[in-house]
Amino acid sequence: MSISEVCQKNCCINPEKIKQIRENMVKEEVLYDIADFFKILGESTRLKIMFALLKGEVCVGELSESLSISQSSVSHQLRILRQNDLVKFRKQGKVVYYSLDDDHVENLLNQSLEHLLHNKIYE
């Protein structure tokens, strides 16, 4: 007996709900892009940098010193974040300042943190 047959016999499969889910499902290529996006966020050094940027724009040296990460590592991670539209930069003379790309990125970080903290206690 298939799962569908078991469900039809023992629970309430709603054909209309199934149709609605199928009609509103995100396109496969968009799902792949979302998965890639979360892979970018799945690296703790990049997240450290992004959370540091919540406080405003900073240069590579400030990020390196405050996070105790080498400047080359910070630069490498910033390049990845920039290529994926998570951070932006501006130049002032020879100094490059980085900041979060927009409010969506800030909201994503804040909501992720809020979601994780609402049931857990971190010291």
PDB file of N, CA and C in Angstrom:
ATOM      1  N   MET A   1       0.853  -1.182   0.000  1.00  0.00           N
ATOM      2  CA  MET A   1       0.000   0.000   0.000  1.00  0.00           C
ATOM      3  C   MET A   1       0.899   1.246   0.000  1.00  0.00           C
ATOM      4  N   SER A   2       0.614   2.204  -0.882  1.00  0.00           N
ATOM      5  CA  SER A   2       1.425   3.414  -0.974  1.00  0.00           C
ATOM      6  C   SER A   2       1.101   4.377   0.166  1.00  0.00           C
ATOM      7  N   ILE A   3       1.989   5.336   0.366  1.00  0.00           N
ATOM      8  CA  ILE A   3       1.772   6.341   1.416  1.00  0.00           C
ATOM      9  C   ILE A   3       0.478   7.099   1.145  1.00  0.00           C
ATOM     10  N   SER A   4       0.251   7.411  -0.110  1.00  0.00           N
ATOM     11  CA  SER A   4      -0.963   8.139  -0.478  1.00  0.00           C
ATOM     12  C   SER A   4      -2.214   7.343  -0.124  1.00  0.00           C
ATOM     13  N   GLU A   5      -2.180   6.037  -0.398  1.00  0.00           N
ATOM     14  CA  GLU A   5      -3.334   5.194  -0.074  1.00  0.00           C
ATOM     15  C   GLU A   5      -3.552   5.118   1.434  1.00  0.00           C
ATOM     16  N   VAL A   6      -2.473   4.990   2.194  1.00  0.00           N
ATOM     17  CA  VAL A   6      -2.567   4.950   3.650  1.00  0.00           C
ATOM     18  C   VAL A   6      -3.158   6.259   4.161  1.00  0.00           C
ATOM     19  N   CYS A   7      -2.649   7.382   3.624  1.00  0.00           N
ATOM     20  CA  CYS A   7      -3.153   8.687   4.064  1.00  0.00           C
ATOM     21  C   CYS A   7      -4.628   8.862   3.715  1.00  0.00           C
ATOM     22  N   GLN A   8      -5.001   8.446   2.530  1.00  0.00           N
ATOM     23  CA  GLN A   8      -6.399   8.587   2.133  1.00  0.00           C
ATOM     24  C   GLN A   8      -7.313   7.761   3.034  1.00  0.00           C
ATOM     25  N   LYS A   9      -6.801   6.636   3.476  1.00  0.00           N
ATOM     26  CA  LYS A   9      -7.599   5.753   4.322  1.00  0.00           C
ATOM     27  C   LYS A   9      -7.638   6.229   5.774  1.00  0.00           C
ATOM     28  N   ASN A  10      -6.505   6.781   6.273  1.00  0.00           N
ATOM     29  CA  ASN A  10      -6.378   7.083   7.700  1.00  0.00           C
ATOM     30  C   ASN A  10      -6.389   8.571   8.057  1.00  0.00           C
ATOM     31  N   CYS A  11      -6.289   9.430   7.111  1.00  0.00           N
ATOM     32  CA  CYS A  11      -6.304  10.864   7.457  1.00  0.00           C
ATOM     33  C   CYS A  11      -7.051  11.638   6.387  1.00  0.00           C
ATOM     34  N   CYS A  12      -6.899  12.893   6.414  1.00  0.00           N
ATOM     35  CA  CYS A  12      -7.753  13.729   5.572  1.00  0.00           C
ATOM     36  C   CYS A  12      -6.955  14.427   4.469  1.00  0.00           C
ATOM     37  N   ILE A  13      -6.722  13.741   3.360  1.00  0.00           N
ATOM     38  CA  ILE A  13      -6.066  14.380   2.216  1.00  0.00           C
ATOM     39  C   ILE A  13      -7.084  15.289   1.561  1.00  0.00           C
ATOM     40  N   ASN A  14      -6.697  16.513   1.402  1.00  0.00           N
ATOM     41  CA  ASN A  14      -7.557  17.509   0.811  1.00  0.00           C
ATOM     42  C   ASN A  14      -7.028  17.840  -0.584  1.00  0.00           C
ATOM     43  N   PRO A  15      -7.700  17.379  -1.638  1.00  0.00           N
ATOM     44  CA  PRO A  15      -7.223  17.628  -3.001  1.00  0.00           C
ATOM     45  C   PRO A  15      -7.062  19.113  -3.320  1.00  0.00           C
ATOM     46  N   GLU A  16      -7.917  19.917  -2.759  1.00  0.00           N
ATOM     47  CA  GLU A  16      -7.827  21.366  -3.005  1.00  0.00           C
ATOM     48  C   GLU A  16      -6.549  21.941  -2.403  1.00  0.00           C
ATOM     49  N   LYS A  17      -6.186  21.466  -1.202  1.00  0.00           N
ATOM     50  CA  LYS A  17      -4.962  21.923  -0.553  1.00  0.00           C
ATOM     51  C   LYS A  17      -3.739  21.485  -1.366  1.00  0.00           C
ATOM     52  N   ILE A  18      -3.762  20.258  -1.867  1.00  0.00           N
ATOM     53  CA  ILE A  18      -2.664  19.759  -2.699  1.00  0.00           C
ATOM     54  C   ILE A  18      -2.522  20.621  -3.947  1.00  0.00           C
ATOM     55  N   LYS A  19      -3.627  20.933  -4.582  1.00  0.00           N
ATOM     56  CA  LYS A  19      -3.621  21.789  -5.781  1.00  0.00           C
ATOM     57  C   LYS A  19      -3.049  23.161  -5.446  1.00  0.00           C
ATOM     58  N   GLN A  20      -3.471  23.713  -4.318  1.00  0.00           N
ATOM     59  CA  GLN A  20      -2.998  25.038  -3.893  1.00  0.00           C
ATOM     60  C   GLN A  20      -1.485  25.030  -3.639  1.00  0.00           C
ATOM     61  N   ILE A  21      -0.997  23.998  -2.965  1.00  0.00           N
ATOM     62  CA  ILE A  21       0.443  23.896  -2.698  1.00  0.00           C
ATOM     63  C   ILE A  21       1.215  23.815  -4.009  1.00  0.00           C
ATOM     64  N   ARG A  22       0.756  22.974  -4.914  1.00  0.00           N
ATOM     65  CA  ARG A  22       1.438  22.820  -6.206  1.00  0.00           C
ATOM     66  C   ARG A  22       1.443  24.112  -7.012  1.00  0.00           C
ATOM     67  N   GLU A  23       0.332  24.825  -6.998  1.00  0.00           N
ATOM     68  CA  GLU A  23       0.233  26.080  -7.762  1.00  0.00           C
ATOM     69  C   GLU A  23       1.117  27.175  -7.185  1.00  0.00           C
ATOM     70  N   ASN A  24       1.337  27.150  -5.868  1.00  0.00           N
ATOM     71  CA  ASN A  24       2.105  28.207  -5.211  1.00  0.00           C
ATOM     72  C   ASN A  24       3.552  27.830  -4.919  1.00  0.00           C
ATOM     73  N   MET A  25       3.981  26.647  -5.339  1.00  0.00           N
ATOM     74  CA  MET A  25       5.349  26.213  -5.086  1.00  0.00           C
ATOM     75  C   MET A  25       6.333  27.104  -5.844  1.00  0.00           C
ATOM     76  N   VAL A  26       7.396  27.458  -5.164  1.00  0.00           N
ATOM     77  CA  VAL A  26       8.452  28.265  -5.766  1.00  0.00           C
ATOM     78  C   VAL A  26       9.117  27.439  -6.860  1.00  0.00           C
ATOM     79  N   LYS A  27       9.470  28.105  -7.967  1.00  0.00           N
ATOM     80  CA  LYS A  27      10.093  27.405  -9.096  1.00  0.00           C
ATOM     81  C   LYS A  27      11.404  26.759  -8.667  1.00  0.00           C
ATOM     82  N   GLU A  28      11.698  25.627  -9.289  1.00  0.00           N
ATOM     83  CA  GLU A  28      12.871  24.832  -8.939  1.00  0.00           C
ATOM     84  C   GLU A  28      14.163  25.640  -9.010  1.00  0.00           C
ATOM     85  N   GLU A  29      14.333  26.442 -10.060  1.00  0.00           N
ATOM     86  CA  GLU A  29      15.574  27.212 -10.189  1.00  0.00           C
ATOM     87  C   GLU A  29      15.712  28.267  -9.090  1.00  0.00           C
ATOM     88  N   VAL A  30      14.595  28.787  -8.625  1.00  0.00           N
ATOM     89  CA  VAL A  30      14.620  29.749  -7.520  1.00  0.00           C
ATOM     90  C   VAL A  30      15.006  29.032  -6.222  1.00  0.00           C
ATOM     91  N   LEU A  31      14.497  27.818  -6.037  1.00  0.00           N
ATOM     92  CA  LEU A  31      14.865  27.038  -4.851  1.00  0.00           C
ATOM     93  C   LEU A  31      16.359  26.766  -4.820  1.00  0.00           C
ATOM     94  N   TYR A  32      16.957  26.467  -5.984  1.00  0.00           N
ATOM     95  CA  TYR A  32      18.400  26.255  -6.044  1.00  0.00           C
ATOM     96  C   TYR A  32      19.153  27.526  -5.666  1.00  0.00           C
ATOM     97  N   ASP A  33      18.667  28.669  -6.140  1.00  0.00           N
ATOM     98  CA  ASP A  33      19.305  29.949  -5.800  1.00  0.00           C
ATOM     99  C   ASP A  33      19.197  30.239  -4.305  1.00  0.00           C
ATOM    100  N   ILE A  34      18.057  29.927  -3.713  1.00  0.00           N
ATOM    101  CA  ILE A  34      17.884  30.130  -2.267  1.00  0.00           C
ATOM    102  C   ILE A  34      18.838  29.221  -1.499  1.00  0.00           C
ATOM    103  N   ALA A  35      18.967  27.972  -1.934  1.00  0.00           N
ATOM    104  CA  ALA A  35      19.889  27.043  -1.276  1.00  0.00           C
ATOM    105  C   ALA A  35      21.326  27.564  -1.366  1.00  0.00           C
ATOM    106  N   ASP A  36      21.716  28.086  -2.523  1.00  0.00           N
ATOM    107  CA  ASP A  36      23.058  28.660  -2.682  1.00  0.00           C
ATOM    108  C   ASP A  36      23.238  29.874  -1.775  1.00  0.00           C
ATOM    109  N   PHE A  37      22.201  30.683  -1.661  1.00  0.00           N
ATOM    110  CA  PHE A  37      22.237  31.858  -0.795  1.00  0.00           C
ATOM    111  C   PHE A  37      22.508  31.444   0.652  1.00  0.00           C
ATOM    112  N   PHE A  38      21.817  30.411   1.118  1.00  0.00           N
ATOM    113  CA  PHE A  38      22.029  29.965   2.488  1.00  0.00           C
ATOM    114  C   PHE A  38      23.399  29.312   2.678  1.00  0.00           C
ATOM    115  N   LYS A  39      23.954  28.744   1.620  1.00  0.00           N
ATOM    116  CA  LYS A  39      25.324  28.228   1.712  1.00  0.00           C
ATOM    117  C   LYS A  39      26.306  29.369   1.970  1.00  0.00           C
ATOM    118  N   ILE A  40      26.072  30.511   1.344  1.00  0.00           N
ATOM    119  CA  ILE A  40      26.921  31.683   1.569  1.00  0.00           C
ATOM    120  C   ILE A  40      26.844  32.094   3.038  1.00  0.00           C
ATOM    121  N   LEU A  41      25.658  32.045   3.607  1.00  0.00           N
ATOM    122  CA  LEU A  41      25.471  32.424   5.010  1.00  0.00           C
ATOM    123  C   LEU A  41      25.917  31.331   5.979  1.00  0.00           C
ATOM    124  N   GLY A  42      26.224  30.149   5.448  1.00  0.00           N
ATOM    125  CA  GLY A  42      26.556  29.013   6.288  1.00  0.00           C
ATOM    126  C   GLY A  42      28.004  28.951   6.728  1.00  0.00           C
ATOM    127  N   GLU A  43      28.718  30.035   6.654  1.00  0.00           N
ATOM    128  CA  GLU A  43      30.125  30.064   7.049  1.00  0.00           C
ATOM    129  C   GLU A  43      30.279  31.066   8.188  1.00  0.00           C
ATOM    130  N   SER A  44      30.803  30.622   9.325  1.00  0.00           N
ATOM    131  CA  SER A  44      30.788  31.449  10.539  1.00  0.00           C
ATOM    132  C   SER A  44      31.620  32.725  10.406  1.00  0.00           C
ATOM    133  N   THR A  45      32.711  32.690   9.664  1.00  0.00           N
ATOM    134  CA  THR A  45      33.510  33.918   9.498  1.00  0.00           C
ATOM    135  C   THR A  45      32.714  34.980   8.755  1.00  0.00           C
ATOM    136  N   ARG A  46      31.999  34.565   7.719  1.00  0.00           N
ATOM    137  CA  ARG A  46      31.170  35.530   6.976  1.00  0.00           C
ATOM    138  C   ARG A  46      30.081  36.095   7.883  1.00  0.00           C
ATOM    139  N   LEU A  47      29.483  35.227   8.703  1.00  0.00           N
ATOM    140  CA  LEU A  47      28.447  35.711   9.627  1.00  0.00           C
ATOM    141  C   LEU A  47      29.023  36.687  10.645  1.00  0.00           C
ATOM    142  N   LYS A  48      30.219  36.399  11.155  1.00  0.00           N
ATOM    143  CA  LYS A  48      30.872  37.334  12.092  1.00  0.00           C
ATOM    144  C   LYS A  48      31.023  38.699  11.451  1.00  0.00           C
ATOM    145  N   ILE A  49      31.500  38.693  10.224  1.00  0.00           N
ATOM    146  CA  ILE A  49      31.701  39.954   9.502  1.00  0.00           C
ATOM    147  C   ILE A  49      30.375  40.678   9.317  1.00  0.00           C
ATOM    148  N   MET A  50      29.350  39.938   8.931  1.00  0.00           N
ATOM    149  CA  MET A  50      28.049  40.571   8.707  1.00  0.00           C
ATOM    150  C   MET A  50      27.466  41.131   9.996  1.00  0.00           C
ATOM    151  N   PHE A  51      27.598  40.389  11.100  1.00  0.00           N
ATOM    152  CA  PHE A  51      27.088  40.911  12.369  1.00  0.00           C
ATOM    153  C   PHE A  51      27.885  42.138  12.808  1.00  0.00           C
ATOM    154  N   ALA A  52      29.177  42.168  12.513  1.00  0.00           N
ATOM    155  CA  ALA A  52      29.982  43.357  12.819  1.00  0.00           C
ATOM    156  C   ALA A  52      29.484  44.546  12.006  1.00  0.00           C
ATOM    157  N   LEU A  53      29.072  44.292  10.778  1.00  0.00           N
ATOM    158  CA  LEU A  53      28.592  45.369   9.910  1.00  0.00           C
ATOM    159  C   LEU A  53      27.203  45.873  10.291  1.00  0.00           C
ATOM    160  N   LEU A  54      26.518  45.157  11.169  1.00  0.00           N
ATOM    161  CA  LEU A  54      25.237  45.667  11.677  1.00  0.00           C
ATOM    162  C   LEU A  54      25.425  47.004  12.393  1.00  0.00           C
ATOM    163  N   LYS A  55      26.618  47.219  12.934  1.00  0.00           N
ATOM    164  CA  LYS A  55      26.896  48.455  13.687  1.00  0.00           C
ATOM    165  C   LYS A  55      27.281  49.624  12.782  1.00  0.00           C
ATOM    166  N   GLY A  56      27.365  49.377  11.481  1.00  0.00           N
ATOM    167  CA  GLY A  56      27.700  50.453  10.551  1.00  0.00           C
ATOM    168  C   GLY A  56      28.907  50.091   9.710  1.00  0.00           C
ATOM    169  N   GLU A  57      29.282  51.010   8.834  1.00  0.00           N
ATOM    170  CA  GLU A  57      30.369  50.698   7.910  1.00  0.00           C
ATOM    171  C   GLU A  57      31.730  50.731   8.598  1.00  0.00           C
ATOM    172  N   VAL A  58      32.589  49.823   8.151  1.00  0.00           N
ATOM    173  CA  VAL A  58      33.947  49.719   8.686  1.00  0.00           C
ATOM    174  C   VAL A  58      34.894  49.317   7.561  1.00  0.00           C
ATOM    175  N   CYS A  59      36.185  49.538   7.801  1.00  0.00           N
ATOM    176  CA  CYS A  59      37.189  49.131   6.825  1.00  0.00           C
ATOM    177  C   CYS A  59      37.719  47.746   7.188  1.00  0.00           C
ATOM    178  N   VAL A  60      38.477  47.159   6.272  1.00  0.00           N
ATOM    179  CA  VAL A  60      39.013  45.812   6.469  1.00  0.00           C
ATOM    180  C   VAL A  60      39.866  45.736   7.732  1.00  0.00           C
ATOM    181  N   GLY A  61      40.695  46.758   7.961  1.00  0.00           N
ATOM    182  CA  GLY A  61      41.558  46.765   9.137  1.00  0.00           C
ATOM    183  C   GLY A  61      40.774  46.730  10.432  1.00  0.00           C
ATOM    184  N   GLU A  62      39.701  47.507  10.495  1.00  0.00           N
ATOM    185  CA  GLU A  62      38.854  47.516  11.696  1.00  0.00           C
ATOM    186  C   GLU A  62      38.185  46.163  11.909  1.00  0.00           C
ATOM    187  N   LEU A  63      37.712  45.558  10.818  1.00  0.00           N
ATOM    188  CA  LEU A  63      37.113  44.221  10.929  1.00  0.00           C
ATOM    189  C   LEU A  63      38.144  43.208  11.393  1.00  0.00           C
ATOM    190  N   SER A  64      39.323  43.266  10.804  1.00  0.00           N
ATOM    191  CA  SER A  64      40.395  42.335  11.139  1.00  0.00           C
ATOM    192  C   SER A  64      40.758  42.419  12.618  1.00  0.00           C
ATOM    193  N   GLU A  65      40.964  43.623  13.101  1.00  0.00           N
ATOM    194  CA  GLU A  65      41.339  43.827  14.504  1.00  0.00           C
ATOM    195  C   GLU A  65      40.217  43.449  15.461  1.00  0.00           C
ATOM    196  N   SER A  66      39.020  43.877  15.172  1.00  0.00           N
ATOM    197  CA  SER A  66      37.915  43.642  16.107  1.00  0.00           C
ATOM    198  C   SER A  66      37.500  42.171  16.155  1.00  0.00           C
ATOM    199  N   LEU A  67      37.666  41.433  15.055  1.00  0.00           N
ATOM    200  CA  LEU A  67      37.250  40.029  15.010  1.00  0.00           C
ATOM    201  C   LEU A  67      38.413  39.058  15.164  1.00  0.00           C
ATOM    202  N   SER A  68      39.630  39.595  15.273  1.00  0.00           N
ATOM    203  CA  SER A  68      40.837  38.770  15.375  1.00  0.00           C
ATOM    204  C   SER A  68      40.961  37.782  14.202  1.00  0.00           C
ATOM    205  N   ILE A  69      40.777  38.306  13.020  1.00  0.00           N
ATOM    206  CA  ILE A  69      40.880  37.539  11.782  1.00  0.00           C
ATOM    207  C   ILE A  69      41.880  38.271  10.884  1.00  0.00           C
ATOM    208  N   SER A  70      42.703  37.539  10.167  1.00  0.00           N
ATOM    209  CA  SER A  70      43.693  38.187   9.301  1.00  0.00           C
ATOM    210  C   SER A  70      43.008  39.050   8.241  1.00  0.00           C
ATOM    211  N   GLN A  71      43.700  40.107   7.831  1.00  0.00           N
ATOM    212  CA  GLN A  71      43.143  40.998   6.812  1.00  0.00           C
ATOM    213  C   GLN A  71      42.887  40.257   5.508  1.00  0.00           C
ATOM    214  N   SER A  72      43.763  39.327   5.152  1.00  0.00           N
ATOM    215  CA  SER A  72      43.551  38.592   3.899  1.00  0.00           C
ATOM    216  C   SER A  72      42.297  37.726   3.980  1.00  0.00           C
ATOM    217  N   SER A  73      42.047  37.122   5.137  1.00  0.00           N
ATOM    218  CA  SER A  73      40.842  36.312   5.309  1.00  0.00           C
ATOM    219  C   SER A  73      39.590  37.187   5.269  1.00  0.00           C
ATOM    220  N   VAL A  74      39.651  38.326   5.937  1.00  0.00           N
ATOM    221  CA  VAL A  74      38.520  39.263   5.917  1.00  0.00           C
ATOM    222  C   VAL A  74      38.244  39.722   4.486  1.00  0.00           C
ATOM    223  N   SER A  75      39.302  40.078   3.768  1.00  0.00           N
ATOM    224  CA  SER A  75      39.139  40.533   2.376  1.00  0.00           C
ATOM    225  C   SER A  75      38.517  39.438   1.504  1.00  0.00           C
ATOM    226  N   HIS A  76      38.990  38.216   1.693  1.00  0.00           N
ATOM    227  CA  HIS A  76      38.456  37.090   0.924  1.00  0.00           C
ATOM    228  C   HIS A  76      36.958  36.905   1.190  1.00  0.00           C
ATOM    229  N   GLN A  77      36.575  36.925   2.459  1.00  0.00           N
ATOM    230  CA  GLN A  77      35.163  36.742   2.818  1.00  0.00           C
ATOM    231  C   GLN A  77      34.315  37.919   2.344  1.00  0.00           C
ATOM    232  N   LEU A  78      34.861  39.118   2.434  1.00  0.00           N
ATOM    233  CA  LEU A  78      34.123  40.296   1.944  1.00  0.00           C
ATOM    234  C   LEU A  78      33.888  40.204   0.439  1.00  0.00           C
ATOM    235  N   ARG A  79      34.858  39.694  -0.292  1.00  0.00           N
ATOM    236  CA  ARG A  79      34.703  39.533  -1.745  1.00  0.00           C
ATOM    237  C   ARG A  79      33.525  38.590  -2.036  1.00  0.00           C
ATOM    238  N   ILE A  80      33.443  37.483  -1.310  1.00  0.00           N
ATOM    239  CA  ILE A  80      32.331  36.542  -1.491  1.00  0.00           C
ATOM    240  C   ILE A  80      31.003  37.210  -1.142  1.00  0.00           C
ATOM    241  N   LEU A  81      30.973  37.927  -0.034  1.00  0.00           N
ATOM    242  CA  LEU A  81      29.747  38.616   0.385  1.00  0.00           C
ATOM    243  C   LEU A  81      29.341  39.694  -0.619  1.00  0.00           C
ATOM    244  N   ARG A  82      30.324  40.399  -1.149  1.00  0.00           N
ATOM    245  CA  ARG A  82      30.055  41.446  -2.144  1.00  0.00           C
ATOM    246  C   ARG A  82      29.515  40.831  -3.431  1.00  0.00           C
ATOM    247  N   GLN A  83      30.119  39.731  -3.883  1.00  0.00           N
ATOM    248  CA  GLN A  83      29.677  39.071  -5.118  1.00  0.00           C
ATOM    249  C   GLN A  83      28.248  38.554  -5.008  1.00  0.00           C
ATOM    250  N   ASN A  84      27.801  38.329  -3.804  1.00  0.00           N
ATOM    251  CA  ASN A  84      26.449  37.815  -3.574  1.00  0.00           C
ATOM    252  C   ASN A  84      25.490  38.884  -3.053  1.00  0.00           C
ATOM    253  N   ASP A  85      25.881  40.137  -3.214  1.00  0.00           N
ATOM    254  CA  ASP A  85      25.026  41.289  -2.880  1.00  0.00           C
ATOM    255  C   ASP A  85      24.590  41.333  -1.424  1.00  0.00           C
ATOM    256  N   LEU A  86      25.466  40.875  -0.527  1.00  0.00           N
ATOM    257  CA  LEU A  86      25.172  40.954   0.895  1.00  0.00           C
ATOM    258  C   LEU A  86      25.859  42.139   1.556  1.00  0.00           C
ATOM    259  N   VAL A  87      26.971  42.574   0.984  1.00  0.00           N
ATOM    260  CA  VAL A  87      27.641  43.788   1.453  1.00  0.00           C
ATOM    261  C   VAL A  87      27.945  44.682   0.264  1.00  0.00           C
ATOM    262  N   LYS A  88      28.130  45.942   0.567  1.00  0.00           N
ATOM    263  CA  LYS A  88      28.526  46.919  -0.452  1.00  0.00           C
ATOM    264  C   LYS A  88      29.731  47.673   0.086  1.00  0.00           C
ATOM    265  N   PHE A  89      30.353  48.458  -0.760  1.00  0.00           N
ATOM    266  CA  PHE A  89      31.518  49.210  -0.326  1.00  0.00           C
ATOM    267  C   PHE A  89      31.504  50.608  -0.937  1.00  0.00           C
ATOM    268  N   ARG A  90      32.283  51.467  -0.307  1.00  0.00           N
ATOM    269  CA  ARG A  90      32.536  52.800  -0.857  1.00  0.00           C
ATOM    270  C   ARG A  90      33.987  53.134  -0.563  1.00  0.00           C
ATOM    271  N   LYS A  91      34.581  53.863  -1.478  1.00  0.00           N
ATOM    272  CA  LYS A  91      35.975  54.250  -1.308  1.00  0.00           C
ATOM    273  C   LYS A  91      36.054  55.697  -0.858  1.00  0.00           C
ATOM    274  N   GLN A  92      36.964  55.934   0.060  1.00  0.00           N
ATOM    275  CA  GLN A  92      37.275  57.291   0.487  1.00  0.00           C
ATOM    276  C   GLN A  92      38.794  57.397   0.422  1.00  0.00           C
ATOM    277  N   GLY A  93      39.270  57.975  -0.657  1.00  0.00           N
ATOM    278  CA  GLY A  93      40.709  57.980  -0.900  1.00  0.00           C
ATOM    279  C   GLY A  93      41.171  56.564  -1.155  1.00  0.00           C
ATOM    280  N   LYS A  94      42.153  56.110  -0.379  1.00  0.00           N
ATOM    281  CA  LYS A  94      42.655  54.742  -0.536  1.00  0.00           C
ATOM    282  C   LYS A  94      41.947  53.746   0.379  1.00  0.00           C
ATOM    283  N   VAL A  95      41.094  54.233   1.243  1.00  0.00           N
ATOM    284  CA  VAL A  95      40.411  53.361   2.211  1.00  0.00           C
ATOM    285  C   VAL A  95      39.062  52.922   1.652  1.00  0.00           C
ATOM    286  N   VAL A  96      38.764  51.634   1.816  1.00  0.00           N
ATOM    287  CA  VAL A  96      37.490  51.065   1.370  1.00  0.00           C
ATOM    288  C   VAL A  96      36.670  50.735   2.611  1.00  0.00           C
ATOM    289  N   TYR A  97      35.458  51.254   2.655  1.00  0.00           N
ATOM    290  CA  TYR A  97      34.554  51.008   3.768  1.00  0.00           C
ATOM    291  C   TYR A  97      33.436  50.063   3.311  1.00  0.00           C
ATOM    292  N   TYR A  98      33.131  49.090   4.158  1.00  0.00           N
ATOM    293  CA  TYR A  98      32.104  48.100   3.850  1.00  0.00           C
ATOM    294  C   TYR A  98      30.906  48.281   4.766  1.00  0.00           C
ATOM    295  N   SER A  99      29.736  47.945   4.231  1.00  0.00           N
ATOM    296  CA  SER A  99      28.501  47.966   5.016  1.00  0.00           C
ATOM    297  C   SER A  99      27.565  46.904   4.449  1.00  0.00           C
ATOM    298  N   LEU A 100      26.523  46.591   5.193  1.00  0.00           N
ATOM    299  CA  LEU A 100      25.531  45.652   4.691  1.00  0.00           C
ATOM    300  C   LEU A 100      24.853  46.261   3.470  1.00  0.00           C
ATOM    301  N   ASP A 101      24.469  45.422   2.535  1.00  0.00           N
ATOM    302  CA  ASP A 101      23.934  45.908   1.267  1.00  0.00           C
ATOM    303  C   ASP A 101      22.625  46.674   1.418  1.00  0.00           C
ATOM    304  N   ASP A 102      21.718  46.170   2.251  1.00  0.00           N
ATOM    305  CA  ASP A 102      20.444  46.861   2.415  1.00  0.00           C
ATOM    306  C   ASP A 102      19.719  46.368   3.669  1.00  0.00           C
ATOM    307  N   ASP A 103      18.532  46.887   3.874  1.00  0.00           N
ATOM    308  CA  ASP A 103      17.741  46.525   5.057  1.00  0.00           C
ATOM    309  C   ASP A 103      17.334  45.048   5.055  1.00  0.00           C
ATOM    310  N   HIS A 104      17.203  44.449   3.866  1.00  0.00           N
ATOM    311  CA  HIS A 104      16.840  43.030   3.807  1.00  0.00           C
ATOM    312  C   HIS A 104      17.896  42.175   4.501  1.00  0.00           C
ATOM    313  N   VAL A 105      19.147  42.505   4.282  1.00  0.00           N
ATOM    314  CA  VAL A 105      20.238  41.736   4.883  1.00  0.00           C
ATOM    315  C   VAL A 105      20.228  41.940   6.398  1.00  0.00           C
ATOM    316  N   GLU A 106      20.055  43.177   6.824  1.00  0.00           N
ATOM    317  CA  GLU A 106      19.986  43.467   8.260  1.00  0.00           C
ATOM    318  C   GLU A 106      18.817  42.731   8.906  1.00  0.00           C
ATOM    319  N   ASN A 107      17.660  42.745   8.258  1.00  0.00           N
ATOM    320  CA  ASN A 107      16.487  42.049   8.791  1.00  0.00           C
ATOM    321  C   ASN A 107      16.716  40.540   8.859  1.00  0.00           C
ATOM    322  N   LEU A 108      17.352  39.991   7.842  1.00  0.00           N
ATOM    323  CA  LEU A 108      17.647  38.564   7.814  1.00  0.00           C
ATOM    324  C   LEU A 108      18.524  38.164   8.999  1.00  0.00           C
ATOM    325  N   LEU A 109      19.561  38.941   9.264  1.00  0.00           N
ATOM    326  CA  LEU A 109      20.446  38.660  10.394  1.00  0.00           C
ATOM    327  C   LEU A 109      19.703  38.780  11.721  1.00  0.00           C
ATOM    328  N   ASN A 110      18.965  39.861  11.873  1.00  0.00           N
ATOM    329  CA  ASN A 110      18.234  40.083  13.128  1.00  0.00           C
ATOM    330  C   ASN A 110      17.171  39.018  13.362  1.00  0.00           C
ATOM    331  N   GLN A 111      16.448  38.638  12.327  1.00  0.00           N
ATOM    332  CA  GLN A 111      15.411  37.621  12.486  1.00  0.00           C
ATOM    333  C   GLN A 111      16.014  36.248  12.753  1.00  0.00           C
ATOM    334  N   SER A 112      17.156  35.948  12.134  1.00  0.00           N
ATOM    335  CA  SER A 112      17.836  34.679  12.402  1.00  0.00           C
ATOM    336  C   SER A 112      18.233  34.601  13.864  1.00  0.00           C
ATOM    337  N   LEU A 113      18.812  35.670  14.360  1.00  0.00           N
ATOM    338  CA  LEU A 113      19.236  35.719  15.751  1.00  0.00           C
ATOM    339  C   LEU A 113      18.040  35.602  16.689  1.00  0.00           C
ATOM    340  N   GLU A 114      16.996  36.352  16.390  1.00  0.00           N
ATOM    341  CA  GLU A 114      15.784  36.321  17.217  1.00  0.00           C
ATOM    342  C   GLU A 114      15.171  34.919  17.234  1.00  0.00           C
ATOM    343  N   HIS A 115      15.139  34.277  16.083  1.00  0.00           N
ATOM    344  CA  HIS A 115      14.575  32.927  16.002  1.00  0.00           C
ATOM    345  C   HIS A 115      15.369  31.943  16.869  1.00  0.00           C
ATOM    346  N   LEU A 116      16.680  32.033  16.797  1.00  0.00           N
ATOM    347  CA  LEU A 116      17.515  31.115  17.567  1.00  0.00           C
ATOM    348  C   LEU A 116      17.473  31.393  19.061  1.00  0.00           C
ATOM    349  N   LEU A 117      17.344  32.651  19.427  1.00  0.00           N
ATOM    350  CA  LEU A 117      17.387  33.011  20.844  1.00  0.00           C
ATOM    351  C   LEU A 117      16.055  32.855  21.577  1.00  0.00           C
ATOM    352  N   HIS A 118      14.949  32.789  20.867  1.00  0.00           N
ATOM    353  CA  HIS A 118      13.657  32.812  21.562  1.00  0.00           C
ATOM    354  C   HIS A 118      13.407  31.581  22.425  1.00  0.00           C
ATOM    355  N   ASN A 119      14.081  30.466  22.135  1.00  0.00           N
ATOM    356  CA  ASN A 119      13.907  29.275  22.971  1.00  0.00           C
ATOM    357  C   ASN A 119      15.193  28.781  23.601  1.00  0.00           C
ATOM    358  N   LYS A 120      16.270  29.490  23.388  1.00  0.00           N
ATOM    359  CA  LYS A 120      17.552  29.022  23.893  1.00  0.00           C
ATOM    360  C   LYS A 120      18.194  30.082  24.757  1.00  0.00           C
ATOM    361  N   ILE A 121      19.029  29.618  25.665  1.00  0.00           N
ATOM    362  CA  ILE A 121      19.771  30.538  26.517  1.00  0.00           C
ATOM    363  C   ILE A 121      21.243  30.387  26.184  1.00  0.00           C
ATOM    364  N   TYR A 122      21.843  31.462  25.689  1.00  0.00           N
ATOM    365  CA  TYR A 122      23.272  31.483  25.393  1.00  0.00           C
ATOM    366  C   TYR A 122      23.944  32.350  26.432  1.00  0.00           C
ATOM    367  N   GLU A 123      25.072  31.908  26.887  1.00  0.00           N
ATOM    368  CA  GLU A 123      25.805  32.695  27.894  1.00  0.00           C
ATOM    369  C   GLU A 123      26.778  33.609  27.223  1.00  0.00           C
TER     370      GLU A 123
END
